[in-house]
Amino acid sequence: MVRWRDAARKFGVEFFSNIDADDLFYAPELMDLGLEQMAQNPNCDLIKGSEHLACSVFTHAVRTSALEKACDTKTTTDTEVYFRFLDDPSRFNVTELKIDDQGYIYPYIRMTLDYQEDFDFFSRIFEEFNTDTNTILAKDIIALVKRNPELAQINMFRQEQYRQNQKRMIRELEGKVKKCRRTAWTV
């Protein structure tokens, strides 16, 4: 988070959209859409993807002022689960990406790279499109998987494990924060 904040400061960026390196099939057009929606709503701090979106086609659009506030108030350097610091409606104006194109709506696909099965899924998609270059449109991948649901079965079962790992990391982080606060109060 601090790296993002420092980069945004250096380049005078008011808001930005991030792409995680493990999200090979993200949709650049959705990143652009997130930035457009951020520009149209100056009160918005964070735009996140809907739970109905295909996994990893969009991450977030973030207003730099919100990121600065999150960095200034966080009590840990462990920001692996960064969205936890921003996706807090009690502190920030959070909204979901508004999408009219239903081609991105498909929550039964996992397009991020964390496990061997994810790698196997990506490999199979490249085979299906007969390419070794990552120029395949996310909508085309989603359409392929809708027509061939067995492709999603390669790695979709890992999604629940991924969610549980994220929840565990958040709980551990919250435990560290509480411990830090108790220590600070008793000193």
N, C-alpha and C. Protein backbone atom coordinates (compact mmCIF):
# COMPACT_ATOMS: atom_id res chain seq x y z
N MET A 1 0.82 -1.19 0.00
CA MET A 1 0.00 0.00 0.00
C MET A 1 0.86 1.25 0.00
N VAL A 2 1.92 1.23 0.78
CA VAL A 2 2.79 2.39 0.85
C VAL A 2 3.45 2.64 -0.50
N ARG A 3 3.83 1.56 -1.20
CA ARG A 3 4.42 1.72 -2.54
C ARG A 3 3.42 2.38 -3.49
N TRP A 4 2.16 1.96 -3.44
CA TRP A 4 1.15 2.58 -4.29
C TRP A 4 1.01 4.05 -3.94
N ARG A 5 0.91 4.33 -2.64
CA ARG A 5 0.74 5.72 -2.20
C ARG A 5 1.91 6.57 -2.68
N ASP A 6 3.12 6.07 -2.48
CA ASP A 6 4.30 6.83 -2.88
C ASP A 6 4.35 7.04 -4.39
N ALA A 7 3.98 6.04 -5.16
CA ALA A 7 3.95 6.18 -6.62
C ALA A 7 2.88 7.19 -7.03
N ALA A 8 1.70 7.12 -6.41
CA ALA A 8 0.63 8.07 -6.72
C ALA A 8 1.06 9.49 -6.39
N ARG A 9 1.74 9.67 -5.27
CA ARG A 9 2.25 11.00 -4.91
C ARG A 9 3.27 11.49 -5.93
N LYS A 10 4.22 10.62 -6.25
CA LYS A 10 5.30 11.01 -7.17
C LYS A 10 4.75 11.47 -8.52
N PHE A 11 3.74 10.78 -9.02
CA PHE A 11 3.22 11.09 -10.34
C PHE A 11 1.94 11.94 -10.30
N GLY A 12 1.54 12.39 -9.12
CA GLY A 12 0.38 13.26 -9.00
C GLY A 12 -0.92 12.60 -9.44
N VAL A 13 -1.08 11.33 -9.10
CA VAL A 13 -2.26 10.56 -9.51
C VAL A 13 -3.37 10.75 -8.49
N GLU A 14 -4.54 11.15 -8.96
CA GLU A 14 -5.69 11.34 -8.09
C GLU A 14 -6.36 10.02 -7.74
N PHE A 15 -6.40 9.11 -8.72
CA PHE A 15 -6.95 7.76 -8.51
C PHE A 15 -6.31 6.83 -9.53
N PHE A 16 -6.41 5.53 -9.25
CA PHE A 16 -5.78 4.55 -10.12
C PHE A 16 -6.51 3.22 -9.99
N SER A 17 -6.21 2.33 -10.91
CA SER A 17 -6.72 0.97 -10.85
C SER A 17 -5.52 0.04 -10.80
N ASN A 18 -5.58 -0.95 -9.97
CA ASN A 18 -4.45 -1.87 -9.85
C ASN A 18 -4.77 -3.21 -10.51
N ILE A 19 -3.72 -3.84 -10.98
CA ILE A 19 -3.82 -5.16 -11.59
C ILE A 19 -2.85 -6.06 -10.83
N ASP A 20 -3.34 -7.14 -10.29
CA ASP A 20 -2.47 -8.08 -9.60
C ASP A 20 -1.77 -8.96 -10.62
N ALA A 21 -0.50 -9.22 -10.41
CA ALA A 21 0.30 -9.98 -11.37
C ALA A 21 -0.21 -11.40 -11.56
N ASP A 22 -0.93 -11.93 -10.59
CA ASP A 22 -1.43 -13.30 -10.73
C ASP A 22 -2.78 -13.36 -11.45
N ASP A 23 -3.28 -12.22 -11.90
CA ASP A 23 -4.56 -12.16 -12.61
C ASP A 23 -4.29 -12.01 -14.12
N LEU A 24 -3.85 -13.09 -14.72
CA LEU A 24 -3.40 -13.06 -16.11
C LEU A 24 -4.48 -12.66 -17.11
N PHE A 25 -5.72 -13.01 -16.82
CA PHE A 25 -6.80 -12.74 -17.77
C PHE A 25 -7.69 -11.58 -17.33
N TYR A 26 -7.10 -10.59 -16.65
CA TYR A 26 -7.88 -9.42 -16.26
C TYR A 26 -8.40 -8.73 -17.53
N ALA A 27 -9.39 -7.87 -17.35
CA ALA A 27 -10.00 -7.17 -18.49
C ALA A 27 -9.61 -5.70 -18.45
N PRO A 28 -8.67 -5.27 -19.29
CA PRO A 28 -8.26 -3.86 -19.27
C PRO A 28 -9.43 -2.90 -19.47
N GLU A 29 -10.42 -3.32 -20.24
CA GLU A 29 -11.57 -2.46 -20.47
C GLU A 29 -12.36 -2.22 -19.18
N LEU A 30 -12.33 -3.19 -18.26
CA LEU A 30 -13.00 -2.99 -16.96
C LEU A 30 -12.18 -2.07 -16.08
N MET A 31 -10.86 -2.13 -16.20
CA MET A 31 -10.00 -1.19 -15.47
C MET A 31 -10.31 0.23 -15.94
N ASP A 32 -10.43 0.41 -17.26
CA ASP A 32 -10.79 1.72 -17.80
C ASP A 32 -12.16 2.16 -17.30
N LEU A 33 -13.11 1.24 -17.29
CA LEU A 33 -14.45 1.55 -16.80
C LEU A 33 -14.40 1.99 -15.34
N GLY A 34 -13.61 1.29 -14.52
CA GLY A 34 -13.46 1.68 -13.12
C GLY A 34 -12.90 3.08 -12.98
N LEU A 35 -11.93 3.42 -13.80
CA LEU A 35 -11.35 4.77 -13.76
C LEU A 35 -12.36 5.82 -14.22
N GLU A 36 -13.14 5.50 -15.25
CA GLU A 36 -14.19 6.42 -15.70
C GLU A 36 -15.20 6.66 -14.59
N GLN A 37 -15.61 5.59 -13.92
CA GLN A 37 -16.59 5.74 -12.85
C GLN A 37 -16.00 6.51 -11.67
N MET A 38 -14.72 6.31 -11.41
CA MET A 38 -14.06 7.07 -10.34
C MET A 38 -14.04 8.55 -10.70
N ALA A 39 -13.75 8.88 -11.96
CA ALA A 39 -13.70 10.27 -12.40
C ALA A 39 -15.08 10.92 -12.32
N GLN A 40 -16.13 10.15 -12.58
CA GLN A 40 -17.49 10.69 -12.55
C GLN A 40 -18.02 10.86 -11.14
N ASN A 41 -17.40 10.22 -10.17
CA ASN A 41 -17.88 10.28 -8.79
C ASN A 41 -16.75 10.71 -7.87
N PRO A 42 -16.53 12.01 -7.71
CA PRO A 42 -15.40 12.48 -6.91
C PRO A 42 -15.50 12.13 -5.42
N ASN A 43 -16.65 11.67 -4.96
CA ASN A 43 -16.79 11.26 -3.56
C ASN A 43 -16.46 9.80 -3.33
N CYS A 44 -16.26 9.05 -4.40
CA CYS A 44 -15.98 7.62 -4.29
C CYS A 44 -14.51 7.40 -3.92
N ASP A 45 -14.27 6.54 -2.93
CA ASP A 45 -12.91 6.21 -2.50
C ASP A 45 -12.42 4.90 -3.07
N LEU A 46 -13.32 3.94 -3.24
CA LEU A 46 -12.95 2.62 -3.71
C LEU A 46 -14.06 2.04 -4.57
N ILE A 47 -13.69 1.52 -5.73
CA ILE A 47 -14.62 0.76 -6.56
C ILE A 47 -14.11 -0.67 -6.57
N LYS A 48 -14.97 -1.59 -6.20
CA LYS A 48 -14.59 -3.00 -6.18
C LYS A 48 -15.47 -3.77 -7.15
N GLY A 49 -15.04 -4.97 -7.48
CA GLY A 49 -15.82 -5.82 -8.37
C GLY A 49 -16.96 -6.49 -7.62
N SER A 50 -18.02 -6.75 -8.32
CA SER A 50 -19.16 -7.46 -7.78
C SER A 50 -18.79 -8.92 -7.55
N GLU A 51 -19.47 -9.56 -6.62
CA GLU A 51 -19.25 -10.99 -6.39
C GLU A 51 -19.74 -11.82 -7.57
N HIS A 52 -20.48 -11.20 -8.48
CA HIS A 52 -21.00 -11.91 -9.65
C HIS A 52 -20.03 -11.87 -10.83
N LEU A 53 -19.02 -11.01 -10.73
CA LEU A 53 -18.02 -10.94 -11.79
C LEU A 53 -17.17 -12.20 -11.82
N ALA A 54 -16.66 -12.53 -12.98
CA ALA A 54 -15.69 -13.61 -13.06
C ALA A 54 -14.48 -13.23 -12.22
N CYS A 55 -13.96 -14.17 -11.48
CA CYS A 55 -12.84 -13.94 -10.57
C CYS A 55 -11.64 -13.39 -11.32
N SER A 56 -11.17 -12.23 -10.89
CA SER A 56 -9.92 -11.60 -11.33
C SER A 56 -9.98 -10.85 -12.65
N VAL A 57 -11.17 -10.56 -13.16
CA VAL A 57 -11.23 -9.71 -14.35
C VAL A 57 -11.10 -8.24 -13.98
N PHE A 58 -11.37 -7.92 -12.70
CA PHE A 58 -11.26 -6.55 -12.19
C PHE A 58 -10.86 -6.64 -10.73
N THR A 59 -9.95 -5.78 -10.32
CA THR A 59 -9.59 -5.75 -8.89
C THR A 59 -10.24 -4.54 -8.24
N HIS A 60 -9.58 -3.38 -8.31
CA HIS A 60 -10.11 -2.19 -7.65
C HIS A 60 -9.71 -0.92 -8.41
N ALA A 61 -10.48 0.12 -8.19
CA ALA A 61 -10.06 1.48 -8.52
C ALA A 61 -10.02 2.20 -7.18
N VAL A 62 -8.94 2.93 -6.94
CA VAL A 62 -8.68 3.50 -5.62
C VAL A 62 -8.39 4.99 -5.74
N ARG A 63 -9.01 5.80 -4.90
CA ARG A 63 -8.68 7.22 -4.82
C ARG A 63 -7.46 7.36 -3.91
N THR A 64 -6.50 8.13 -4.37
CA THR A 64 -5.24 8.28 -3.64
C THR A 64 -5.45 8.85 -2.24
N SER A 65 -6.37 9.79 -2.08
CA SER A 65 -6.62 10.36 -0.75
C SER A 65 -7.09 9.30 0.23
N ALA A 66 -7.89 8.33 -0.24
CA ALA A 66 -8.34 7.23 0.63
C ALA A 66 -7.16 6.33 0.97
N LEU A 67 -6.32 6.06 -0.02
CA LEU A 67 -5.14 5.24 0.22
C LEU A 67 -4.23 5.91 1.24
N GLU A 68 -4.06 7.21 1.14
CA GLU A 68 -3.24 7.93 2.11
C GLU A 68 -3.81 7.80 3.52
N LYS A 69 -5.12 7.95 3.64
CA LYS A 69 -5.78 7.81 4.95
C LYS A 69 -5.57 6.40 5.49
N ALA A 70 -5.74 5.39 4.63
CA ALA A 70 -5.55 4.00 5.06
C ALA A 70 -4.11 3.77 5.50
N CYS A 71 -3.15 4.32 4.77
CA CYS A 71 -1.73 4.16 5.14
C CYS A 71 -1.42 4.87 6.45
N ASP A 72 -2.01 6.05 6.65
CA ASP A 72 -1.75 6.83 7.86
C ASP A 72 -2.35 6.20 9.11
N THR A 73 -3.41 5.43 8.94
CA THR A 73 -4.11 4.89 10.11
C THR A 73 -3.87 3.41 10.35
N LYS A 74 -3.23 2.73 9.42
CA LYS A 74 -2.98 1.30 9.63
C LYS A 74 -1.95 1.13 10.75
N THR A 75 -2.09 0.06 11.49
CA THR A 75 -1.21 -0.17 12.63
C THR A 75 -0.31 -1.38 12.42
N THR A 76 -0.14 -1.77 11.16
CA THR A 76 0.71 -2.91 10.84
C THR A 76 1.38 -2.68 9.50
N THR A 77 2.50 -3.32 9.29
CA THR A 77 3.14 -3.25 7.98
C THR A 77 2.71 -4.41 7.09
N ASP A 78 1.94 -5.33 7.64
CA ASP A 78 1.45 -6.49 6.90
C ASP A 78 0.22 -6.08 6.11
N THR A 79 0.42 -5.76 4.84
CA THR A 79 -0.70 -5.32 4.00
C THR A 79 -0.95 -6.29 2.86
N GLU A 80 -0.62 -7.55 3.06
CA GLU A 80 -0.84 -8.57 2.04
C GLU A 80 -2.31 -8.58 1.59
N VAL A 81 -3.22 -8.48 2.52
CA VAL A 81 -4.64 -8.43 2.21
C VAL A 81 -5.04 -6.95 2.23
N TYR A 82 -4.51 -6.21 1.25
CA TYR A 82 -4.61 -4.75 1.23
C TYR A 82 -6.04 -4.24 1.20
N PHE A 83 -6.94 -4.93 0.51
CA PHE A 83 -8.30 -4.43 0.36
C PHE A 83 -9.01 -4.31 1.70
N ARG A 84 -8.56 -5.04 2.70
CA ARG A 84 -9.16 -5.00 4.02
C ARG A 84 -9.05 -3.61 4.63
N PHE A 85 -8.02 -2.87 4.25
CA PHE A 85 -7.81 -1.53 4.79
C PHE A 85 -8.66 -0.48 4.08
N LEU A 86 -9.15 -0.79 2.91
CA LEU A 86 -9.91 0.17 2.12
C LEU A 86 -11.39 -0.16 2.01
N ASP A 87 -11.73 -1.43 2.04
CA ASP A 87 -13.11 -1.87 1.86
C ASP A 87 -13.84 -1.80 3.19
N ASP A 88 -13.99 -0.58 3.69
CA ASP A 88 -14.59 -0.34 5.00
C ASP A 88 -15.58 0.82 4.86
N PRO A 89 -16.86 0.51 4.62
CA PRO A 89 -17.85 1.56 4.40
C PRO A 89 -18.01 2.54 5.57
N SER A 90 -17.55 2.16 6.75
CA SER A 90 -17.63 3.10 7.87
C SER A 90 -16.57 4.19 7.77
N ARG A 91 -15.54 3.96 6.97
CA ARG A 91 -14.45 4.94 6.81
C ARG A 91 -14.36 5.51 5.40
N PHE A 92 -14.81 4.73 4.42
CA PHE A 92 -14.62 5.12 3.03
C PHE A 92 -15.92 4.95 2.24
N ASN A 93 -16.03 5.73 1.17
CA ASN A 93 -17.16 5.61 0.26
C ASN A 93 -16.81 4.50 -0.74
N VAL A 94 -17.41 3.33 -0.54
CA VAL A 94 -17.11 2.14 -1.33
C VAL A 94 -18.31 1.82 -2.21
N THR A 95 -18.04 1.51 -3.47
CA THR A 95 -19.10 1.13 -4.39
C THR A 95 -18.63 -0.02 -5.27
N GLU A 96 -19.56 -0.65 -5.93
CA GLU A 96 -19.22 -1.73 -6.87
C GLU A 96 -19.15 -1.16 -8.28
N LEU A 97 -18.31 -1.78 -9.09
CA LEU A 97 -18.21 -1.43 -10.49
C LEU A 97 -19.55 -1.67 -11.16
N LYS A 98 -20.03 -0.69 -11.90
CA LYS A 98 -21.31 -0.82 -12.61
C LYS A 98 -21.01 -1.28 -14.03
N ILE A 99 -21.54 -2.47 -14.35
CA ILE A 99 -21.26 -3.09 -15.64
C ILE A 99 -22.57 -3.42 -16.34
N ASP A 100 -22.70 -2.94 -17.57
CA ASP A 100 -23.87 -3.28 -18.37
C ASP A 100 -23.64 -4.55 -19.17
N ASP A 101 -22.41 -4.83 -19.52
CA ASP A 101 -22.06 -5.97 -20.37
C ASP A 101 -22.09 -7.26 -19.54
N GLN A 102 -23.05 -8.11 -19.81
CA GLN A 102 -23.22 -9.36 -19.05
C GLN A 102 -22.15 -10.40 -19.38
N GLY A 103 -21.32 -10.14 -20.37
CA GLY A 103 -20.26 -11.07 -20.74
C GLY A 103 -19.20 -11.27 -19.67
N TYR A 104 -19.15 -10.36 -18.70
CA TYR A 104 -18.19 -10.47 -17.60
C TYR A 104 -18.80 -11.11 -16.35
N ILE A 105 -20.10 -11.27 -16.36
CA ILE A 105 -20.80 -11.78 -15.19
C ILE A 105 -20.81 -13.30 -15.25
N TYR A 106 -20.01 -13.91 -14.39
CA TYR A 106 -19.95 -15.37 -14.32
C TYR A 106 -19.08 -15.75 -13.12
N PRO A 107 -19.68 -15.94 -11.96
CA PRO A 107 -18.89 -16.20 -10.75
C PRO A 107 -18.37 -17.63 -10.64
N TYR A 108 -18.60 -18.45 -11.67
CA TYR A 108 -18.21 -19.86 -11.60
C TYR A 108 -16.91 -20.14 -12.34
N ILE A 109 -16.03 -19.17 -12.33
CA ILE A 109 -14.74 -19.32 -13.00
C ILE A 109 -13.68 -18.66 -12.12
N ARG A 110 -12.54 -19.28 -12.06
CA ARG A 110 -11.43 -18.77 -11.24
C ARG A 110 -10.26 -18.49 -12.17
N MET A 111 -9.91 -17.19 -12.32
CA MET A 111 -8.85 -16.81 -13.24
C MET A 111 -7.73 -16.07 -12.52
N THR A 112 -7.21 -16.69 -11.49
CA THR A 112 -6.06 -16.14 -10.77
C THR A 112 -5.09 -17.30 -10.51
N LEU A 113 -3.84 -16.97 -10.30
CA LEU A 113 -2.81 -18.01 -10.23
C LEU A 113 -2.23 -18.12 -8.81
N ASP A 114 -2.75 -19.08 -8.07
CA ASP A 114 -2.26 -19.35 -6.72
C ASP A 114 -1.88 -20.81 -6.51
N TYR A 115 -2.48 -21.70 -7.24
CA TYR A 115 -2.30 -23.13 -7.04
C TYR A 115 -1.92 -23.81 -8.35
N GLN A 116 -1.42 -25.03 -8.27
CA GLN A 116 -1.08 -25.79 -9.47
C GLN A 116 -2.28 -25.92 -10.40
N GLU A 117 -3.45 -26.14 -9.82
CA GLU A 117 -4.65 -26.29 -10.65
C GLU A 117 -4.97 -25.00 -11.42
N ASP A 118 -4.62 -23.86 -10.83
CA ASP A 118 -4.80 -22.59 -11.55
C ASP A 118 -3.88 -22.55 -12.77
N PHE A 119 -2.65 -22.99 -12.58
CA PHE A 119 -1.71 -23.06 -13.71
C PHE A 119 -2.24 -24.01 -14.78
N ASP A 120 -2.79 -25.12 -14.32
CA ASP A 120 -3.36 -26.09 -15.26
C ASP A 120 -4.52 -25.47 -16.04
N PHE A 121 -5.34 -24.69 -15.33
CA PHE A 121 -6.45 -24.01 -16.00
C PHE A 121 -5.93 -23.04 -17.06
N PHE A 122 -4.96 -22.21 -16.71
CA PHE A 122 -4.41 -21.26 -17.68
C PHE A 122 -3.83 -21.99 -18.88
N SER A 123 -3.09 -23.06 -18.61
CA SER A 123 -2.50 -23.84 -19.71
C SER A 123 -3.57 -24.36 -20.65
N ARG A 124 -4.65 -24.85 -20.07
CA ARG A 124 -5.74 -25.41 -20.88
C ARG A 124 -6.42 -24.32 -21.71
N ILE A 125 -6.57 -23.14 -21.13
CA ILE A 125 -7.18 -22.03 -21.87
C ILE A 125 -6.30 -21.66 -23.07
N PHE A 126 -4.99 -21.58 -22.85
CA PHE A 126 -4.09 -21.28 -23.96
C PHE A 126 -4.19 -22.36 -25.04
N GLU A 127 -4.31 -23.61 -24.62
CA GLU A 127 -4.48 -24.71 -25.59
C GLU A 127 -5.78 -24.55 -26.37
N GLU A 128 -6.85 -24.24 -25.66
CA GLU A 128 -8.16 -24.10 -26.30
C GLU A 128 -8.15 -22.99 -27.36
N PHE A 129 -7.39 -21.93 -27.11
CA PHE A 129 -7.32 -20.82 -28.05
C PHE A 129 -6.13 -20.96 -29.00
N ASN A 130 -5.42 -22.08 -28.87
CA ASN A 130 -4.29 -22.39 -29.75
C ASN A 130 -3.29 -21.22 -29.83
N THR A 131 -2.87 -20.75 -28.66
CA THR A 131 -1.92 -19.65 -28.60
C THR A 131 -1.03 -19.80 -27.37
N ASP A 132 0.13 -19.19 -27.43
CA ASP A 132 0.98 -19.12 -26.25
C ASP A 132 1.20 -17.66 -25.87
N THR A 133 0.40 -16.79 -26.46
CA THR A 133 0.47 -15.35 -26.18
C THR A 133 -0.79 -14.92 -25.43
N ASN A 134 -0.62 -14.16 -24.40
CA ASN A 134 -1.76 -13.74 -23.58
C ASN A 134 -2.46 -12.53 -24.20
N THR A 135 -3.15 -12.79 -25.29
CA THR A 135 -3.92 -11.74 -25.95
C THR A 135 -5.40 -12.11 -26.02
N ILE A 136 -5.79 -13.09 -25.25
CA ILE A 136 -7.17 -13.57 -25.26
C ILE A 136 -8.03 -12.63 -24.42
N LEU A 137 -9.15 -12.23 -24.94
CA LEU A 137 -10.04 -11.36 -24.20
C LEU A 137 -10.74 -12.13 -23.08
N ALA A 138 -10.87 -11.49 -21.94
CA ALA A 138 -11.54 -12.12 -20.79
C ALA A 138 -12.94 -12.59 -21.16
N LYS A 139 -13.68 -11.77 -21.91
CA LYS A 139 -15.04 -12.15 -22.31
C LYS A 139 -15.04 -13.41 -23.15
N ASP A 140 -14.02 -13.58 -23.99
CA ASP A 140 -13.94 -14.79 -24.82
C ASP A 140 -13.65 -16.02 -23.96
N ILE A 141 -12.83 -15.86 -22.93
CA ILE A 141 -12.54 -16.97 -22.02
C ILE A 141 -13.80 -17.36 -21.25
N ILE A 142 -14.49 -16.35 -20.75
CA ILE A 142 -15.72 -16.61 -19.99
C ILE A 142 -16.75 -17.31 -20.88
N ALA A 143 -16.89 -16.85 -22.12
CA ALA A 143 -17.84 -17.48 -23.05
C ALA A 143 -17.44 -18.94 -23.31
N LEU A 144 -16.14 -19.18 -23.47
CA LEU A 144 -15.67 -20.55 -23.68
C LEU A 144 -16.02 -21.44 -22.49
N VAL A 145 -15.78 -20.94 -21.29
CA VAL A 145 -16.04 -21.73 -20.08
C VAL A 145 -17.55 -21.94 -19.89
N LYS A 146 -18.34 -20.96 -20.25
CA LYS A 146 -19.80 -21.15 -20.17
C LYS A 146 -20.25 -22.28 -21.09
N ARG A 147 -19.63 -22.37 -22.26
CA ARG A 147 -19.97 -23.44 -23.22
C ARG A 147 -19.38 -24.78 -22.80
N ASN A 148 -18.28 -24.73 -22.03
CA ASN A 148 -17.56 -25.94 -21.62
C ASN A 148 -17.30 -25.88 -20.11
N PRO A 149 -18.32 -26.07 -19.29
CA PRO A 149 -18.17 -25.90 -17.85
C PRO A 149 -17.13 -26.81 -17.21
N GLU A 150 -16.77 -27.89 -17.89
CA GLU A 150 -15.73 -28.78 -17.33
C GLU A 150 -14.39 -28.05 -17.20
N LEU A 151 -14.19 -27.00 -17.98
CA LEU A 151 -12.95 -26.22 -17.86
C LEU A 151 -12.86 -25.55 -16.49
N ALA A 152 -13.98 -25.04 -16.01
CA ALA A 152 -13.98 -24.39 -14.69
C ALA A 152 -13.69 -25.39 -13.57
N GLN A 153 -14.02 -26.66 -13.81
CA GLN A 153 -13.81 -27.67 -12.78
C GLN A 153 -12.33 -27.97 -12.55
N ILE A 154 -11.48 -27.52 -13.45
CA ILE A 154 -10.04 -27.74 -13.28
C ILE A 154 -9.54 -27.11 -11.99
N ASN A 155 -10.05 -25.90 -11.68
CA ASN A 155 -9.52 -25.19 -10.51
C ASN A 155 -10.57 -24.50 -9.63
N MET A 156 -11.82 -24.50 -10.03
CA MET A 156 -12.83 -23.76 -9.26
C MET A 156 -12.94 -24.25 -7.83
N PHE A 157 -12.68 -25.51 -7.60
CA PHE A 157 -12.77 -26.04 -6.23
C PHE A 157 -11.76 -25.36 -5.31
N ARG A 158 -10.74 -24.73 -5.85
CA ARG A 158 -9.74 -24.02 -5.05
C ARG A 158 -10.24 -22.67 -4.55
N GLN A 159 -11.33 -22.17 -5.12
CA GLN A 159 -11.81 -20.84 -4.75
C GLN A 159 -12.20 -20.77 -3.28
N GLU A 160 -12.84 -21.78 -2.77
CA GLU A 160 -13.23 -21.77 -1.35
C GLU A 160 -11.99 -21.81 -0.47
N GLN A 161 -11.00 -22.59 -0.83
CA GLN A 161 -9.75 -22.62 -0.07
C GLN A 161 -9.09 -21.25 -0.09
N TYR A 162 -9.09 -20.60 -1.23
CA TYR A 162 -8.53 -19.27 -1.36
C TYR A 162 -9.27 -18.29 -0.43
N ARG A 163 -10.60 -18.34 -0.45
CA ARG A 163 -11.40 -17.44 0.42
C ARG A 163 -11.08 -17.70 1.89
N GLN A 164 -10.98 -18.96 2.27
CA GLN A 164 -10.65 -19.29 3.66
C GLN A 164 -9.26 -18.78 4.03
N ASN A 165 -8.30 -18.90 3.13
CA ASN A 165 -6.96 -18.37 3.38
C ASN A 165 -6.99 -16.85 3.56
N GLN A 166 -7.79 -16.17 2.74
CA GLN A 166 -7.91 -14.71 2.87
C GLN A 166 -8.53 -14.35 4.22
N LYS A 167 -9.58 -15.06 4.61
CA LYS A 167 -10.21 -14.80 5.92
C LYS A 167 -9.24 -15.06 7.06
N ARG A 168 -8.47 -16.15 6.95
CA ARG A 168 -7.48 -16.46 7.98
C ARG A 168 -6.44 -15.35 8.07
N MET A 169 -5.97 -14.88 6.94
CA MET A 169 -4.97 -13.81 6.94
C MET A 169 -5.54 -12.54 7.56
N ILE A 170 -6.80 -12.24 7.28
CA ILE A 170 -7.44 -11.06 7.87
C ILE A 170 -7.56 -11.23 9.38
N ARG A 171 -7.98 -12.42 9.84
CA ARG A 171 -8.09 -12.66 11.29
C ARG A 171 -6.72 -12.51 11.96
N GLU A 172 -5.68 -13.08 11.34
CA GLU A 172 -4.33 -12.96 11.91
C GLU A 172 -3.90 -11.50 11.95
N LEU A 173 -4.21 -10.77 10.91
CA LEU A 173 -3.87 -9.35 10.87
C LEU A 173 -4.61 -8.60 11.96
N GLU A 174 -5.90 -8.87 12.11
CA GLU A 174 -6.67 -8.20 13.15
C GLU A 174 -6.14 -8.55 14.53
N GLY A 175 -5.69 -9.79 14.72
CA GLY A 175 -5.08 -10.19 15.98
C GLY A 175 -3.81 -9.41 16.26
N LYS A 176 -2.98 -9.22 15.23
CA LYS A 176 -1.76 -8.43 15.38
C LYS A 176 -2.08 -6.99 15.73
N VAL A 177 -3.12 -6.44 15.10
CA VAL A 177 -3.51 -5.06 15.37
C VAL A 177 -3.99 -4.92 16.81
N LYS A 178 -4.84 -5.85 17.27
CA LYS A 178 -5.32 -5.80 18.65
C LYS A 178 -4.17 -5.91 19.63
N LYS A 179 -3.24 -6.82 19.37
CA LYS A 179 -2.08 -6.99 20.24
C LYS A 179 -1.26 -5.71 20.26
N CYS A 180 -1.08 -5.10 19.12
CA CYS A 180 -0.32 -3.85 19.02
C CYS A 180 -1.00 -2.76 19.82
N ARG A 181 -2.33 -2.66 19.73
CA ARG A 181 -3.07 -1.63 20.47
C ARG A 181 -2.96 -1.87 21.97
N ARG A 182 -3.10 -3.15 22.40
CA ARG A 182 -2.98 -3.45 23.83
C ARG A 182 -1.60 -3.09 24.36
N THR A 183 -0.60 -3.42 23.58
CA THR A 183 0.79 -3.11 23.98
C THR A 183 0.98 -1.61 24.07
N ALA A 184 0.45 -0.88 23.10
CA ALA A 184 0.59 0.58 23.10
C ALA A 184 -0.11 1.20 24.31
N TRP A 185 -1.27 0.64 24.68
CA TRP A 185 -2.02 1.18 25.80
C TRP A 185 -1.35 0.89 27.15
N THR A 186 -0.66 -0.23 27.23
CA THR A 186 -0.08 -0.59 28.51
C THR A 186 1.31 0.01 28.72
N VAL A 187 1.89 0.54 27.68
CA VAL A 187 3.26 1.10 27.80
C VAL A 187 3.22 2.43 28.51
